[in-house]
């Protein structure tokens, strides 16, 4: 059974839109790191503050 072309086109459009929406936050984060020069993965973790007893 052959799918109608307008339905196939709609499916492709929806898939591309979904991938774009999913990837947009990651792309924006990488662009922010690039332009600001931040490298949060290079920082050493700060030990948790010890509560006084």
PDB file of N, CA and C in Angstrom:
ATOM      1  N   UNK A   1       0.833  -1.171   0.000  1.00  0.00           N
ATOM      2  CA  UNK A   1       0.000   0.000   0.000  1.00  0.00           C
ATOM      3  C   UNK A   1       0.884   1.242   0.000  1.00  0.00           C
ATOM      4  N   UNK A   2       0.663   2.117  -0.950  1.00  0.00           N
ATOM      5  CA  UNK A   2       1.480   3.319  -1.088  1.00  0.00           C
ATOM      6  C   UNK A   2       0.866   4.458  -0.286  1.00  0.00           C
ATOM      7  N   UNK A   3       1.759   5.192   0.398  1.00  0.00           N
ATOM      8  CA  UNK A   3       1.320   6.331   1.197  1.00  0.00           C
ATOM      9  C   UNK A   3       1.148   7.550   0.280  1.00  0.00           C
ATOM     10  N   UNK A   4       0.152   8.350   0.565  1.00  0.00           N
ATOM     11  CA  UNK A   4      -0.056   9.558  -0.230  1.00  0.00           C
ATOM     12  C   UNK A   4       1.103  10.530  -0.011  1.00  0.00           C
ATOM     13  N   UNK A   5       1.456  11.247  -1.057  1.00  0.00           N
ATOM     14  CA  UNK A   5       2.653  12.088  -0.984  1.00  0.00           C
ATOM     15  C   UNK A   5       2.498  13.222   0.023  1.00  0.00           C
ATOM     16  N   UNK A   6       1.318  13.804   0.157  1.00  0.00           N
ATOM     17  CA  UNK A   6       1.177  14.902   1.120  1.00  0.00           C
ATOM     18  C   UNK A   6       1.292  14.405   2.556  1.00  0.00           C
ATOM     19  N   UNK A   7       0.910  13.162   2.804  1.00  0.00           N
ATOM     20  CA  UNK A   7       1.061  12.590   4.143  1.00  0.00           C
ATOM     21  C   UNK A   7       2.537  12.301   4.420  1.00  0.00           C
ATOM     22  N   UNK A   8       3.236  11.756   3.432  1.00  0.00           N
ATOM     23  CA  UNK A   8       4.666  11.493   3.591  1.00  0.00           C
ATOM     24  C   UNK A   8       5.423  12.797   3.819  1.00  0.00           C
ATOM     25  N   UNK A   9       5.074  13.841   3.088  1.00  0.00           N
ATOM     26  CA  UNK A   9       5.728  15.144   3.272  1.00  0.00           C
ATOM     27  C   UNK A   9       5.467  15.709   4.658  1.00  0.00           C
ATOM     28  N   UNK A  10       4.259  15.539   5.148  1.00  0.00           N
ATOM     29  CA  UNK A  10       3.929  16.027   6.484  1.00  0.00           C
ATOM     30  C   UNK A  10       4.719  15.279   7.557  1.00  0.00           C
ATOM     31  N   UNK A  11       4.884  13.967   7.377  1.00  0.00           N
ATOM     32  CA  UNK A  11       5.649  13.173   8.337  1.00  0.00           C
ATOM     33  C   UNK A  11       7.106  13.632   8.361  1.00  0.00           C
ATOM     34  N   UNK A  12       7.684  13.838   7.185  1.00  0.00           N
ATOM     35  CA  UNK A  12       9.084  14.287   7.109  1.00  0.00           C
ATOM     36  C   UNK A  12       9.226  15.658   7.758  1.00  0.00           C
ATOM     37  N   UNK A  13       8.297  16.561   7.470  1.00  0.00           N
ATOM     38  CA  UNK A  13       8.347  17.901   8.068  1.00  0.00           C
ATOM     39  C   UNK A  13       8.256  17.828   9.582  1.00  0.00           C
ATOM     40  N   UNK A  14       7.367  17.004  10.101  1.00  0.00           N
ATOM     41  CA  UNK A  14       7.201  16.881  11.549  1.00  0.00           C
ATOM     42  C   UNK A  14       8.437  16.262  12.205  1.00  0.00           C
ATOM     43  N   UNK A  15       9.053  15.308  11.549  1.00  0.00           N
ATOM     44  CA  UNK A  15      10.273  14.703  12.103  1.00  0.00           C
ATOM     45  C   UNK A  15      11.395  15.737  12.164  1.00  0.00           C
ATOM     46  N   UNK A  16      11.571  16.506  11.086  1.00  0.00           N
ATOM     47  CA  UNK A  16      12.621  17.527  11.071  1.00  0.00           C
ATOM     48  C   UNK A  16      12.361  18.605  12.119  1.00  0.00           C
ATOM     49  N   UNK A  17      11.130  19.003  12.270  1.00  0.00           N
ATOM     50  CA  UNK A  17      10.788  19.994  13.286  1.00  0.00           C
ATOM     51  C   UNK A  17      11.046  19.454  14.689  1.00  0.00           C
ATOM     52  N   UNK A  18      10.720  18.207  14.926  1.00  0.00           N
ATOM     53  CA  UNK A  18      10.956  17.604  16.238  1.00  0.00           C
ATOM     54  C   UNK A  18      12.448  17.521  16.557  1.00  0.00           C
ATOM     55  N   UNK A  19      13.249  17.139  15.589  1.00  0.00           N
ATOM     56  CA  UNK A  19      14.698  17.062  15.801  1.00  0.00           C
ATOM     57  C   UNK A  19      15.259  18.452  16.075  1.00  0.00           C
ATOM     58  N   UNK A  20      14.793  19.454  15.345  1.00  0.00           N
ATOM     59  CA  UNK A  20      15.254  20.821  15.566  1.00  0.00           C
ATOM     60  C   UNK A  20      14.906  21.298  16.965  1.00  0.00           C
ATOM     61  N   UNK A  21      13.664  21.067  17.399  1.00  0.00           N
ATOM     62  CA  UNK A  21      13.237  21.502  18.731  1.00  0.00           C
ATOM     63  C   UNK A  21      14.025  20.762  19.809  1.00  0.00           C
ATOM     64  N   UNK A  22      14.307  19.492  19.605  1.00  0.00           N
ATOM     65  CA  UNK A  22      15.065  18.711  20.582  1.00  0.00           C
ATOM     66  C   UNK A  22      16.506  19.193  20.670  1.00  0.00           C
ATOM     67  N   UNK A  23      17.121  19.545  19.532  1.00  0.00           N
ATOM     68  CA  UNK A  23      18.532  19.913  19.498  1.00  0.00           C
ATOM     69  C   UNK A  23      18.773  21.384  19.825  1.00  0.00           C
ATOM     70  N   UNK A  24      17.757  22.222  19.768  1.00  0.00           N
ATOM     71  CA  UNK A  24      17.936  23.655  19.958  1.00  0.00           C
ATOM     72  C   UNK A  24      18.574  24.013  21.305  1.00  0.00           C
ATOM     73  N   UNK A  25      18.143  23.478  22.444  1.00  0.00           N
ATOM     74  CA  UNK A  25      18.794  23.842  23.708  1.00  0.00           C
ATOM     75  C   UNK A  25      20.272  23.442  23.748  1.00  0.00           C
ATOM     76  N   UNK A  26      20.612  22.313  23.181  1.00  0.00           N
ATOM     77  CA  UNK A  26      22.007  21.872  23.163  1.00  0.00           C
ATOM     78  C   UNK A  26      22.845  22.812  22.302  1.00  0.00           C
ATOM     79  N   UNK A  27      22.324  23.185  21.149  1.00  0.00           N
ATOM     80  CA  UNK A  27      23.044  24.110  20.277  1.00  0.00           C
ATOM     81  C   UNK A  27      23.224  25.468  20.936  1.00  0.00           C
ATOM     82  N   UNK A  28      22.194  25.962  21.610  1.00  0.00           N
ATOM     83  CA  UNK A  28      22.302  27.237  22.296  1.00  0.00           C
ATOM     84  C   UNK A  28      23.319  27.177  23.433  1.00  0.00           C
ATOM     85  N   UNK A  29      23.371  26.058  24.145  1.00  0.00           N
ATOM     86  CA  UNK A  29      24.353  25.901  25.218  1.00  0.00           C
ATOM     87  C   UNK A  29      25.768  25.914  24.650  1.00  0.00           C
ATOM     88  N   UNK A  30      26.002  25.188  23.566  1.00  0.00           N
ATOM     89  CA  UNK A  30      27.332  25.155  22.964  1.00  0.00           C
ATOM     90  C   UNK A  30      27.733  26.522  22.416  1.00  0.00           C
ATOM     91  N   UNK A  31      26.797  27.231  21.805  1.00  0.00           N
ATOM     92  CA  UNK A  31      27.090  28.587  21.327  1.00  0.00           C
ATOM     93  C   UNK A  31      27.438  29.520  22.489  1.00  0.00           C
ATOM     94  N   UNK A  32      26.733  29.389  23.600  1.00  0.00           N
ATOM     95  CA  UNK A  32      27.030  30.208  24.771  1.00  0.00           C
ATOM     96  C   UNK A  32      28.431  29.920  25.283  1.00  0.00           C
ATOM     97  N   UNK A  33      28.792  28.655  25.377  1.00  0.00           N
ATOM     98  CA  UNK A  33      30.142  28.300  25.824  1.00  0.00           C
ATOM     99  C   UNK A  33      31.191  28.840  24.863  1.00  0.00           C
ATOM    100  N   UNK A  34      30.918  28.795  23.577  1.00  0.00           N
ATOM    101  CA  UNK A  34      31.878  29.259  22.582  1.00  0.00           C
ATOM    102  C   UNK A  34      32.112  30.766  22.693  1.00  0.00           C
ATOM    103  N   UNK A  35      31.021  31.533  22.778  1.00  0.00           N
ATOM    104  CA  UNK A  35      31.159  32.991  22.786  1.00  0.00           C
ATOM    105  C   UNK A  35      31.633  33.544  24.127  1.00  0.00           C
ATOM    106  N   UNK A  36      31.298  32.884  25.237  1.00  0.00           N
ATOM    107  CA  UNK A  36      31.727  33.378  26.547  1.00  0.00           C
ATOM    108  C   UNK A  36      33.070  32.816  26.967  1.00  0.00           C
ATOM    109  N   UNK A  37      33.513  31.747  26.324  1.00  0.00           N
ATOM    110  CA  UNK A  37      34.788  31.134  26.688  1.00  0.00           C
ATOM    111  C   UNK A  37      34.715  30.277  27.939  1.00  0.00           C
ATOM    112  N   UNK A  38      33.529  30.015  28.443  1.00  0.00           N
ATOM    113  CA  UNK A  38      33.385  29.200  29.648  1.00  0.00           C
ATOM    114  C   UNK A  38      33.642  27.738  29.322  1.00  0.00           C
ATOM    115  N   UNK A  39      34.251  27.050  30.263  1.00  0.00           N
ATOM    116  CA  UNK A  39      34.488  25.607  30.148  1.00  0.00           C
ATOM    117  C   UNK A  39      34.153  24.960  31.498  1.00  0.00           C
ATOM    118  N   UNK A  40      32.856  24.792  31.808  1.00  0.00           N
ATOM    119  CA  UNK A  40      32.476  24.294  33.135  1.00  0.00           C
ATOM    120  C   UNK A  40      32.963  22.875  33.415  1.00  0.00           C
ATOM    121  N   UNK A  41      33.259  22.102  32.389  1.00  0.00           N
ATOM    122  CA  UNK A  41      33.724  20.739  32.604  1.00  0.00           C
ATOM    123  C   UNK A  41      35.183  20.714  33.058  1.00  0.00           C
ATOM    124  N   UNK A  42      35.893  21.834  32.994  1.00  0.00           N
ATOM    125  CA  UNK A  42      37.293  21.883  33.422  1.00  0.00           C
ATOM    126  C   UNK A  42      37.438  22.278  34.882  1.00  0.00           C
ATOM    127  N   UNK A  43      36.392  22.758  35.532  1.00  0.00           N
ATOM    128  CA  UNK A  43      36.462  23.159  36.927  1.00  0.00           C
ATOM    129  C   UNK A  43      36.447  21.939  37.825  1.00  0.00           C
ATOM    130  N   UNK A  44      37.223  22.029  38.910  1.00  0.00           N
ATOM    131  CA  UNK A  44      37.203  20.941  39.884  1.00  0.00           C
ATOM    132  C   UNK A  44      35.993  21.119  40.785  1.00  0.00           C
ATOM    133  N   UNK A  45      35.364  20.025  41.170  1.00  0.00           N
ATOM    134  CA  UNK A  45      34.183  20.151  42.028  1.00  0.00           C
ATOM    135  C   UNK A  45      34.557  20.712  43.406  1.00  0.00           C
ATOM    136  N   UNK A  46      33.717  21.579  43.921  1.00  0.00           N
ATOM    137  CA  UNK A  46      33.924  22.172  45.241  1.00  0.00           C
ATOM    138  C   UNK A  46      33.351  21.223  46.275  1.00  0.00           C
ATOM    139  N   UNK A  47      34.157  20.864  47.302  1.00  0.00           N
ATOM    140  CA  UNK A  47      33.622  19.946  48.313  1.00  0.00           C
ATOM    141  C   UNK A  47      32.458  20.588  49.063  1.00  0.00           C
ATOM    142  N   UNK A  48      31.514  19.756  49.478  1.00  0.00           N
ATOM    143  CA  UNK A  48      30.332  20.240  50.191  1.00  0.00           C
ATOM    144  C   UNK A  48      30.763  20.820  51.525  1.00  0.00           C
ATOM    145  N   UNK A  49      30.066  21.861  51.972  1.00  0.00           N
ATOM    146  CA  UNK A  49      30.378  22.488  53.258  1.00  0.00           C
ATOM    147  C   UNK A  49      30.054  21.516  54.396  1.00  0.00           C
ATOM    148  N   UNK A  50      30.960  21.464  55.356  1.00  0.00           N
ATOM    149  CA  UNK A  50      30.772  20.578  56.509  1.00  0.00           C
ATOM    150  C   UNK A  50      29.932  21.316  57.547  1.00  0.00           C
ATOM    151  N   UNK A  51      28.875  20.696  57.995  1.00  0.00           N
ATOM    152  CA  UNK A  51      28.035  21.296  59.028  1.00  0.00           C
ATOM    153  C   UNK A  51      28.713  21.188  60.394  1.00  0.00           C
ATOM    154  N   UNK A  52      28.586  22.222  61.225  1.00  0.00           N
ATOM    155  CA  UNK A  52      29.191  22.175  62.560  1.00  0.00           C
ATOM    156  C   UNK A  52      28.280  21.396  63.500  1.00  0.00           C
ATOM    157  N   UNK A  53      28.891  20.672  64.429  1.00  0.00           N
ATOM    158  CA  UNK A  53      28.108  19.838  65.361  1.00  0.00           C
ATOM    159  C   UNK A  53      28.099  20.413  66.734  1.00  0.00           C
TER     160      UNK A  53
END
